[in-house]
Protein backbone atom coordinates (compact mmCIF):
# COMPACT_ATOMS: atom_id res chain seq x y z
CA UNK A 1 -21.93 29.32 104.77
CA UNK A 2 -23.23 32.76 103.78
CA UNK A 3 -25.12 32.94 100.47
CA UNK A 4 -26.20 35.80 98.21
CA UNK A 5 -28.74 35.32 95.42
CA UNK A 6 -28.77 37.52 92.33
CA UNK A 7 -32.11 36.36 90.88
CA UNK A 8 -35.63 35.41 92.02
CA UNK A 9 -35.22 31.89 90.62
CA UNK A 10 -32.02 31.40 92.61
CA UNK A 11 -33.62 32.70 95.80
CA UNK A 12 -36.65 30.45 95.48
CA UNK A 13 -34.39 27.48 94.81
CA UNK A 14 -32.27 28.16 97.89
CA UNK A 15 -35.32 28.36 100.14
CA UNK A 16 -36.83 25.20 98.64
CA UNK A 17 -33.60 23.34 99.35
CA UNK A 18 -33.75 24.38 103.00
CA UNK A 19 -30.88 26.86 102.65
CA UNK A 20 -32.89 29.98 103.42
CA UNK A 21 -31.21 30.59 106.77
CA UNK A 22 -27.86 30.81 105.00
CA UNK A 23 -29.07 33.53 102.63
CA UNK A 24 -27.78 36.98 103.65
CA UNK A 25 -28.74 38.98 100.56
CA UNK A 26 -31.25 38.95 97.68
CA UNK A 27 -32.35 41.31 94.89
CA UNK A 28 -35.27 43.73 94.91
CA UNK A 29 -37.14 41.36 92.60
CA UNK A 30 -36.87 38.36 94.94
CA UNK A 31 -40.44 38.16 96.22
CA UNK A 32 -40.90 34.48 97.04
CA UNK A 33 -41.17 32.94 99.54
CA UNK A 34 -42.35 35.58 102.01
CA UNK A 35 -39.21 35.11 104.11
CA UNK A 36 -37.11 36.28 101.17
CA UNK A 37 -38.64 39.74 101.40
CA UNK A 38 -37.07 40.17 104.83
CA UNK A 39 -33.53 39.54 103.58
CA UNK A 40 -30.98 42.29 102.96
CA UNK A 41 -31.41 43.84 99.50
CA UNK A 42 -28.30 44.03 97.33
CA UNK A 43 -29.70 45.97 94.37
CA UNK A 44 -31.66 44.75 91.39
CA UNK A 45 -31.51 41.57 89.33
CA UNK A 46 -29.91 43.41 86.39
CA UNK A 47 -27.80 45.89 88.40
CA UNK A 48 -26.67 44.39 91.70
CA UNK A 49 -24.76 46.63 94.12
CA UNK A 50 -21.29 45.09 93.94
CA UNK A 51 -19.86 47.18 96.79
CA UNK A 52 -22.65 46.12 99.10
CA UNK A 53 -22.29 42.48 98.09
CA UNK A 54 -18.57 42.54 98.84
CA UNK A 55 -19.18 44.28 102.19
CA UNK A 56 -21.47 41.43 103.30
CA UNK A 57 -18.57 38.97 102.82
CA UNK A 58 -20.52 36.06 101.32
CA UNK A 59 -18.98 32.62 100.88
CA UNK A 60 -20.96 31.95 97.70
CA UNK A 61 -22.89 34.05 95.19
CA UNK A 62 -25.55 32.38 93.05
CA UNK A 63 -25.74 34.06 89.64
CA UNK A 64 -28.15 33.63 86.74
CA UNK A 65 -26.40 33.32 83.41
CA UNK A 66 -25.20 35.90 80.92
CA UNK A 67 -26.79 38.88 82.61
CA UNK A 68 -24.31 38.50 85.48
CA UNK A 69 -21.18 37.57 83.50
CA UNK A 70 -19.87 41.16 83.56
CA UNK A 71 -19.70 41.03 87.37
CA UNK A 72 -17.68 37.83 87.67
CA UNK A 73 -14.34 39.60 87.50
CA UNK A 74 -15.22 41.68 90.56
CA UNK A 75 -16.26 38.61 92.50
CA UNK A 76 -13.03 36.81 91.59
CA UNK A 77 -10.99 39.85 92.60
CA UNK A 78 -12.45 39.53 96.10
CA UNK A 79 -12.05 35.72 96.17
CA UNK A 80 -15.80 35.12 96.32
CA UNK A 81 -16.98 31.78 94.93
CA UNK A 82 -19.75 31.80 92.33
CA UNK A 83 -22.30 29.16 91.35
CA UNK A 84 -24.22 29.85 88.14
CA UNK A 85 -27.85 28.75 88.23
CA UNK A 86 -29.10 29.27 84.67
CA UNK A 87 -30.32 25.80 83.63
CA UNK A 88 -30.92 25.07 79.96
CA UNK A 89 -33.31 22.14 80.37
CA UNK A 90 -35.56 20.37 82.84
CA UNK A 91 -32.86 17.79 83.60
CA UNK A 92 -30.25 20.52 83.94
CA UNK A 93 -32.49 22.28 86.47
CA UNK A 94 -32.66 19.22 88.70
CA UNK A 95 -28.95 18.46 88.29
CA UNK A 96 -27.92 22.01 89.23
CA UNK A 97 -30.20 21.98 92.25
CA UNK A 98 -28.52 18.80 93.47
CA UNK A 99 -25.08 20.25 92.83
CA UNK A 100 -25.96 23.40 94.75
CA UNK A 101 -27.01 21.24 97.68
CA UNK A 102 -23.67 19.41 97.59
CA UNK A 103 -21.70 22.65 97.50
CA UNK A 104 -23.60 23.89 100.53
CA UNK A 105 -22.93 20.66 102.42
CA UNK A 106 -26.50 19.37 102.40
CA UNK A 107 -26.40 16.91 99.55
CA UNK A 108 -28.53 14.21 101.22
CA UNK A 109 -31.36 16.48 102.34
CA UNK A 110 -31.36 18.41 99.06
CA UNK A 111 -31.20 15.19 97.08
CA UNK A 112 -34.45 14.01 98.70
CA UNK A 113 -36.18 17.30 97.84
CA UNK A 114 -34.98 17.26 94.24
CA UNK A 115 -35.99 13.62 93.83
CA UNK A 116 -39.52 14.56 94.92
CA UNK A 117 -39.64 17.01 91.99
CA UNK A 118 -38.27 14.37 89.65
CA UNK A 119 -40.99 11.93 90.68
CA UNK A 120 -43.71 14.52 90.07
CA UNK A 121 -42.32 15.23 86.61
CA UNK A 122 -42.17 11.54 85.70
CA UNK A 123 -45.71 11.03 86.96
CA UNK A 124 -46.97 13.92 84.83
CA UNK A 125 -45.17 12.64 81.73
CA UNK A 126 -46.70 9.21 82.35
CA UNK A 127 -50.15 10.72 81.82
CA UNK A 128 -49.42 11.61 78.20
CA UNK A 129 -51.57 9.29 76.07
CA UNK A 130 -49.64 6.69 74.10
CA UNK A 131 -49.24 7.48 70.41
CA UNK A 132 -50.70 10.93 70.96
CA UNK A 133 -49.86 13.54 68.36
CA UNK A 134 -47.73 16.32 69.82
CA UNK A 135 -49.45 19.71 69.52
CA UNK A 136 -47.57 22.62 67.96
CA UNK A 137 -46.88 25.07 70.78
CA UNK A 138 -45.78 28.69 70.66
CA UNK A 139 -44.47 30.32 73.84
CA UNK A 140 -45.05 34.08 73.81
CA UNK A 141 -42.55 35.73 76.14
CA UNK A 142 -42.63 39.40 75.23
CA UNK A 143 -44.18 41.58 72.54
CA UNK A 144 -42.32 44.33 70.72
CA UNK A 145 -45.57 44.89 68.86
CA UNK A 146 -48.17 42.55 67.37
CA UNK A 147 -45.79 41.64 64.54
CA UNK A 148 -42.54 41.20 66.49
CA UNK A 149 -42.13 39.13 69.65
CA UNK A 150 -39.69 37.04 71.69
CA UNK A 151 -39.87 33.29 72.17
CA UNK A 152 -37.57 30.67 73.75
CA UNK A 153 -35.14 28.63 71.63
CA UNK A 154 -33.55 25.17 72.06
CA UNK A 155 -30.94 26.52 74.49
CA UNK A 156 -33.56 27.47 77.08
CA UNK A 157 -35.28 25.80 80.00
CA UNK A 158 -38.73 26.88 78.77
CA UNK A 159 -38.23 25.35 75.32
CA UNK A 160 -37.15 22.05 76.83
CA UNK A 161 -40.09 22.06 79.26
CA UNK A 162 -42.47 22.18 76.29
CA UNK A 163 -40.66 19.21 74.70
CA UNK A 164 -40.60 17.21 77.94
CA UNK A 165 -44.32 17.84 78.40
CA UNK A 166 -45.09 16.39 74.97
CA UNK A 167 -45.38 19.58 72.96
CA UNK A 168 -43.78 20.53 69.65
CA UNK A 169 -42.23 24.02 69.94
CA UNK A 170 -41.28 26.23 67.02
CA UNK A 171 -38.15 24.82 65.35
CA UNK A 172 -34.91 26.81 65.33
CA UNK A 173 -31.57 26.10 63.67
CA UNK A 174 -29.53 27.69 66.48
CA UNK A 175 -29.25 26.78 70.14
CA UNK A 176 -29.57 30.16 71.77
CA UNK A 177 -31.82 30.94 74.72
CA UNK A 178 -34.29 33.35 73.14
CA UNK A 179 -34.97 34.93 69.78
CA UNK A 180 -37.10 37.62 68.22
CA UNK A 181 -39.56 36.23 65.67
CA UNK A 182 -41.96 37.82 63.24
CA UNK A 183 -45.70 37.27 63.07
CA UNK A 184 -45.14 35.78 59.61
CA UNK A 185 -43.01 33.02 61.17
CA UNK A 186 -45.65 32.35 63.82
CA UNK A 187 -48.38 32.14 61.17
CA UNK A 188 -46.18 29.77 59.13
CA UNK A 189 -45.68 27.57 62.21
CA UNK A 190 -49.44 27.80 62.91
CA UNK A 191 -49.39 26.78 66.59
CA UNK A 192 -52.30 24.79 67.96
CA UNK A 193 -51.58 26.12 71.46
CA UNK A 194 -50.12 29.43 72.64
CA UNK A 195 -48.61 29.74 76.12
CA UNK A 196 -48.23 33.26 77.44
CA UNK A 197 -47.56 35.15 80.61
CA UNK A 198 -50.62 37.19 81.44
CA UNK A 199 -53.94 36.87 83.19
CA UNK A 200 -57.41 35.57 82.49
CA UNK A 201 -60.28 37.97 82.00
CA UNK A 202 -61.44 39.36 85.32
CA UNK A 203 -58.22 38.57 87.19
CA UNK A 204 -56.49 41.48 88.84
CA UNK A 205 -53.14 42.37 87.26
CA UNK A 206 -50.18 41.56 89.45
CA UNK A 207 -47.74 44.37 90.30
CA UNK A 208 -45.02 44.86 87.72
CA UNK A 209 -41.58 43.67 88.70
CA UNK A 210 -39.40 46.38 90.16
CA UNK A 211 -37.35 47.97 87.41
CA UNK A 212 -39.70 46.96 84.57
CA UNK A 213 -39.78 49.84 82.07
CA UNK A 214 -42.48 48.46 79.75
CA UNK A 215 -45.74 50.43 79.66
CA UNK A 216 -47.98 47.40 79.13
CA UNK A 217 -46.01 44.15 79.48
CA UNK A 218 -47.63 40.92 78.33
CA UNK A 219 -47.80 39.70 81.93
CA UNK A 220 -50.24 42.54 82.71
CA UNK A 221 -52.57 41.90 79.77
CA UNK A 222 -55.68 39.72 79.57
CA UNK A 223 -54.87 36.84 77.26
CA UNK A 224 -58.35 37.00 75.76
CA UNK A 225 -57.24 40.18 73.99
CA UNK A 226 -55.29 37.99 71.56
CA UNK A 227 -58.56 36.64 70.16
CA UNK A 228 -59.45 40.12 68.89
CA UNK A 229 -56.16 40.77 67.10
CA UNK A 230 -56.99 40.72 63.39
CA UNK A 231 -53.39 39.96 62.43
CA UNK A 232 -53.57 36.73 64.45
CA UNK A 233 -57.05 35.53 63.49
CA UNK A 234 -55.87 32.78 61.09
CA UNK A 235 -53.64 31.06 63.66
CA UNK A 236 -55.11 27.74 64.78
CA UNK A 237 -54.69 28.45 68.52
CA UNK A 238 -56.54 31.74 68.14
CA UNK A 239 -59.32 30.26 66.02
CA UNK A 240 -59.91 27.47 68.55
CA UNK A 241 -59.35 29.72 71.58
CA UNK A 242 -56.38 27.71 72.81
CA UNK A 243 -54.35 30.52 74.36
CA UNK A 244 -53.34 29.85 77.97
CA UNK A 245 -51.82 32.08 80.63
CA UNK A 246 -49.27 30.77 83.10
CA UNK A 247 -47.90 32.82 86.00
CA UNK A 248 -44.44 34.24 85.42
CA UNK A 249 -43.26 32.52 88.59
CA UNK A 250 -44.25 29.13 87.17
CA UNK A 251 -42.82 29.41 83.68
CA UNK A 252 -40.05 32.03 83.91
CA UNK A 253 -38.26 30.89 87.08
CA UNK A 254 -36.37 27.59 86.77
CA UNK A 255 -36.00 25.78 90.07
CA UNK A 256 -38.61 24.09 92.26
CA UNK A 257 -41.38 25.36 89.95
CA UNK A 258 -40.18 22.95 87.26
CA UNK A 259 -42.51 20.16 88.41
CA UNK A 260 -45.50 22.51 88.54
CA UNK A 261 -44.66 23.74 85.03
CA UNK A 262 -44.51 20.26 83.50
CA UNK A 263 -47.71 19.22 85.28
CA UNK A 264 -49.55 22.27 83.96
CA UNK A 265 -48.25 21.90 80.42
CA UNK A 266 -49.22 18.22 80.23
CA UNK A 267 -52.74 19.13 81.38
CA UNK A 268 -52.99 21.88 78.77
CA UNK A 269 -51.58 19.76 75.94
CA UNK A 270 -53.51 16.56 76.60
CA UNK A 271 -55.93 16.59 79.52
CA UNK A 272 -58.00 19.77 79.14
């Protein structure tokens, strides 16, 4: 079976499941594992080269949610099967990984690998102290400016990971994946912990993802800068210096990183 991945999270998942040899094409952003860099490039995550994809004659294309919906008609026209890997929760991540293994004819081997992740997650959750009060957690994804930003909502994998790890994320009335929120809303929520992409002081910034048009994305910034923002100074997490950086690969890419994410969040929420 010949596979093409349209997102870094899909690529990493395929390699974790032992399906790397079946992968014949990945995007320019697919940088992990190292073997993925050697695969044929089929364009970018947001703008894949449809003609090239079709020319490679894949048996299955692994897409990543709404960003790839506009290409589905082309794939159907060429009778190419599609599997969407855009999980909305921790459980959904594990379930979709198992299903992908079944589709590729390696359900037993993949099931063992996914179960190993499930065991790690359960072990991490078991470390949450009984009757502990859940901390209010704000996940900072992207800044428009210091008064407008994006955060995950109940329809997203990241939001659910915070819940599973014992945190209390910002409440929303709608189940969408992400939303833009104002600083006023964040202040009203008054998070005790802020989770951000970014780097600690002194760490070298990682290269920006190919195609990123932002001048100074949050993933390039030192998280300690937040402590100097006057507009944020009354937020509990800022006052108590409880702002934590997690690598984009850990928190933004659902797949085998899900266990690492839950383990890290539990440590941040309760054990550090």
